[in-house]
Amino acid sequence: MKMPENTPSSNAPAAPAREPSGPGPRRERPEGGRGRGRFSGPRPPKVCPFCSAKVKYIDYKQGDQLRRYLTERGKIKARRKIGTCAKHQRRLSLAIKRARHIALLPFTASQARGD
């Protein structure tokens, strides 16, 4: 009985083991986490600016202070970028949205609008 040619037979040589692809061998990272570079070492934890100032209420009428938490395109910055806690990030976003509604802050940047 003859076996079909396209099926592997039991006495066929095994495929060679594949080498990991990439520029070179993988190196283990040091205990600090990030490798050696410009920003090596552990980062200090970010502290919420509102908690450290003991702010009770984020005022939506202070457009100049709220503008610090917007990108140049008018988006609200992420918590991990500005270091706010979850409670104050929710209150900050609410204050920014209220300020946008009464035209103290822009919804979009002027470049995006085409002005």
C-alpha atoms as a PDB file:
ATOM      1  CA  MET A   1       0.000   0.000   0.000  1.00  0.00           C
ATOM      2  CA  LYS A   2       1.351   3.362  -1.018  1.00  0.00           C
ATOM      3  CA  MET A   3       0.898   6.529   1.085  1.00  0.00           C
ATOM      4  CA  PRO A   4      -0.074   9.809  -0.569  1.00  0.00           C
ATOM      5  CA  GLU A   5       2.888  12.092  -1.159  1.00  0.00           C
ATOM      6  CA  ASN A   6       1.440  15.228   0.495  1.00  0.00           C
ATOM      7  CA  THR A   7       1.049  13.696   3.986  1.00  0.00           C
ATOM      8  CA  PRO A   8       4.030  13.549   6.341  1.00  0.00           C
ATOM      9  CA  SER A   9       5.399  10.098   7.000  1.00  0.00           C
ATOM     10  CA  SER A  10       6.633   8.844  10.353  1.00  0.00           C
ATOM     11  CA  ASN A  11      10.223   8.420   9.141  1.00  0.00           C
ATOM     12  CA  ALA A  12      10.503  11.947   7.645  1.00  0.00           C
ATOM     13  CA  PRO A  13      13.156  14.209   9.162  1.00  0.00           C
ATOM     14  CA  ALA A  14      11.877  16.693  11.766  1.00  0.00           C
ATOM     15  CA  ALA A  15      11.788  20.353  10.897  1.00  0.00           C
ATOM     16  CA  PRO A  16      14.742  22.326  12.268  1.00  0.00           C
ATOM     17  CA  ALA A  17      14.116  24.411  15.406  1.00  0.00           C
ATOM     18  CA  ARG A  18      13.434  28.038  14.575  1.00  0.00           C
ATOM     19  CA  GLU A  19      15.717  30.735  15.876  1.00  0.00           C
ATOM     20  CA  PRO A  20      13.998  33.742  17.481  1.00  0.00           C
ATOM     21  CA  SER A  21      13.768  36.513  14.958  1.00  0.00           C
ATOM     22  CA  GLY A  22      15.019  39.996  15.703  1.00  0.00           C
ATOM     23  CA  PRO A  23      18.216  42.011  15.843  1.00  0.00           C
ATOM     24  CA  GLY A  24      19.941  39.939  18.488  1.00  0.00           C
ATOM     25  CA  PRO A  25      19.630  37.861  21.615  1.00  0.00           C
ATOM     26  CA  ARG A  26      17.150  38.981  24.225  1.00  0.00           C
ATOM     27  CA  ARG A  27      18.622  40.542  27.306  1.00  0.00           C
ATOM     28  CA  GLU A  28      16.991  40.429  30.690  1.00  0.00           C
ATOM     29  CA  ARG A  29      15.946  43.799  32.060  1.00  0.00           C
ATOM     30  CA  PRO A  30      17.422  45.012  35.324  1.00  0.00           C
ATOM     31  CA  GLU A  31      15.313  45.038  38.474  1.00  0.00           C
ATOM     32  CA  GLY A  32      14.285  48.700  38.028  1.00  0.00           C
ATOM     33  CA  GLY A  33      11.920  47.827  35.170  1.00  0.00           C
ATOM     34  CA  ARG A  34      12.940  50.069  32.298  1.00  0.00           C
ATOM     35  CA  GLY A  35      16.321  49.476  30.691  1.00  0.00           C
ATOM     36  CA  ARG A  36      19.263  51.818  30.691  1.00  0.00           C
ATOM     37  CA  GLY A  37      18.516  54.967  28.896  1.00  0.00           C
ATOM     38  CA  ARG A  38      17.768  58.537  29.439  1.00  0.00           C
ATOM     39  CA  PHE A  39      14.932  57.839  31.840  1.00  0.00           C
ATOM     40  CA  SER A  40      16.215  54.854  33.768  1.00  0.00           C
ATOM     41  CA  GLY A  41      15.135  54.102  37.281  1.00  0.00           C
ATOM     42  CA  PRO A  42      11.762  54.045  38.973  1.00  0.00           C
ATOM     43  CA  ARG A  43       9.545  57.066  38.536  1.00  0.00           C
ATOM     44  CA  PRO A  44       8.241  58.870  41.591  1.00  0.00           C
ATOM     45  CA  PRO A  45       4.476  58.444  41.989  1.00  0.00           C
ATOM     46  CA  LYS A  46       2.385  61.288  40.615  1.00  0.00           C
ATOM     47  CA  VAL A  47       0.381  63.134  43.231  1.00  0.00           C
ATOM     48  CA  CYS A  48      -3.031  64.549  42.463  1.00  0.00           C
ATOM     49  CA  PRO A  49      -2.697  68.353  42.270  1.00  0.00           C
ATOM     50  CA  PHE A  50      -6.215  68.780  43.645  1.00  0.00           C
ATOM     51  CA  CYS A  51      -5.668  66.447  46.613  1.00  0.00           C
ATOM     52  CA  SER A  52      -2.363  68.104  47.496  1.00  0.00           C
ATOM     53  CA  ALA A  53      -4.021  71.557  47.418  1.00  0.00           C
ATOM     54  CA  LYS A  54      -7.048  70.175  49.344  1.00  0.00           C
ATOM     55  CA  VAL A  55      -9.481  71.481  46.723  1.00  0.00           C
ATOM     56  CA  LYS A  56     -13.097  70.863  47.687  1.00  0.00           C
ATOM     57  CA  TYR A  57     -14.703  72.106  44.456  1.00  0.00           C
ATOM     58  CA  ILE A  58     -13.261  72.479  40.948  1.00  0.00           C
ATOM     59  CA  ASP A  59     -14.772  75.713  39.691  1.00  0.00           C
ATOM     60  CA  TYR A  60     -15.881  75.614  36.059  1.00  0.00           C
ATOM     61  CA  LYS A  61     -15.738  79.430  35.841  1.00  0.00           C
ATOM     62  CA  GLN A  62     -11.926  79.448  36.118  1.00  0.00           C
ATOM     63  CA  GLY A  63     -11.229  78.822  32.450  1.00  0.00           C
ATOM     64  CA  ASP A  64      -7.549  79.723  32.616  1.00  0.00           C
ATOM     65  CA  GLN A  65      -6.863  77.090  35.269  1.00  0.00           C
ATOM     66  CA  LEU A  66      -8.914  74.451  33.467  1.00  0.00           C
ATOM     67  CA  ARG A  67      -7.063  75.139  30.199  1.00  0.00           C
ATOM     68  CA  ARG A  68      -3.951  73.496  31.722  1.00  0.00           C
ATOM     69  CA  TYR A  69      -5.778  70.163  31.619  1.00  0.00           C
ATOM     70  CA  LEU A  70      -6.603  70.362  27.902  1.00  0.00           C
ATOM     71  CA  THR A  71      -4.371  69.376  24.992  1.00  0.00           C
ATOM     72  CA  GLU A  72      -3.637  71.876  22.244  1.00  0.00           C
ATOM     73  CA  ARG A  73      -6.399  70.220  20.224  1.00  0.00           C
ATOM     74  CA  GLY A  74      -8.921  70.789  23.017  1.00  0.00           C
ATOM     75  CA  LYS A  75      -9.125  67.252  24.408  1.00  0.00           C
ATOM     76  CA  ILE A  76      -9.118  66.501  28.135  1.00  0.00           C
ATOM     77  CA  LYS A  77      -5.737  65.101  29.183  1.00  0.00           C
ATOM     78  CA  ALA A  78      -5.561  61.563  30.565  1.00  0.00           C
ATOM     79  CA  ARG A  79      -5.234  60.829  34.284  1.00  0.00           C
ATOM     80  CA  ARG A  80      -1.880  59.154  33.837  1.00  0.00           C
ATOM     81  CA  LYS A  81      -0.486  62.280  32.159  1.00  0.00           C
ATOM     82  CA  ILE A  82      -1.571  64.853  34.733  1.00  0.00           C
ATOM     83  CA  GLY A  83      -1.621  62.623  37.808  1.00  0.00           C
ATOM     84  CA  THR A  84      -5.107  63.317  39.110  1.00  0.00           C
ATOM     85  CA  CYS A  85      -6.936  60.763  41.217  1.00  0.00           C
ATOM     86  CA  ALA A  86     -10.120  59.170  39.856  1.00  0.00           C
ATOM     87  CA  LYS A  87     -12.452  61.326  41.947  1.00  0.00           C
ATOM     88  CA  HIS A  88     -10.862  64.601  40.858  1.00  0.00           C
ATOM     89  CA  GLN A  89     -10.555  63.483  37.219  1.00  0.00           C
ATOM     90  CA  ARG A  90     -14.338  62.964  37.129  1.00  0.00           C
ATOM     91  CA  ARG A  91     -14.934  66.375  38.702  1.00  0.00           C
ATOM     92  CA  LEU A  92     -12.373  67.996  36.397  1.00  0.00           C
ATOM     93  CA  SER A  93     -14.015  66.582  33.289  1.00  0.00           C
ATOM     94  CA  LEU A  94     -17.413  67.769  34.507  1.00  0.00           C
ATOM     95  CA  ALA A  95     -16.033  71.280  35.127  1.00  0.00           C
ATOM     96  CA  ILE A  96     -14.399  71.361  31.672  1.00  0.00           C
ATOM     97  CA  LYS A  97     -17.637  70.258  30.028  1.00  0.00           C
ATOM     98  CA  ARG A  98     -19.587  72.942  31.876  1.00  0.00           C
ATOM     99  CA  ALA A  99     -17.025  75.580  30.898  1.00  0.00           C
ATOM    100  CA  ARG A 100     -17.280  74.475  27.271  1.00  0.00           C
ATOM    101  CA  HIS A 101     -21.061  74.737  27.403  1.00  0.00           C
ATOM    102  CA  ILE A 102     -20.971  78.392  28.456  1.00  0.00           C
ATOM    103  CA  ALA A 103     -18.126  79.122  25.985  1.00  0.00           C
ATOM    104  CA  LEU A 104     -15.291  79.640  28.488  1.00  0.00           C
ATOM    105  CA  LEU A 105     -13.318  76.799  26.876  1.00  0.00           C
ATOM    106  CA  PRO A 106     -13.235  75.627  23.250  1.00  0.00           C
ATOM    107  CA  PHE A 107     -14.697  72.323  22.135  1.00  0.00           C
ATOM    108  CA  THR A 108     -11.976  72.012  19.483  1.00  0.00           C
ATOM    109  CA  ALA A 109      -8.774  73.835  18.598  1.00  0.00           C
ATOM    110  CA  SER A 110      -8.905  76.703  16.146  1.00  0.00           C
ATOM    111  CA  GLN A 111      -6.733  74.751  13.654  1.00  0.00           C
ATOM    112  CA  ALA A 112      -9.242  71.885  13.633  1.00  0.00           C
ATOM    113  CA  ARG A 113     -12.113  74.308  12.970  1.00  0.00           C
ATOM    114  CA  GLY A 114     -10.292  75.982  10.108  1.00  0.00           C
ATOM    115  CA  ASP A 115     -10.262  79.492  11.605  1.00  0.00           C
END
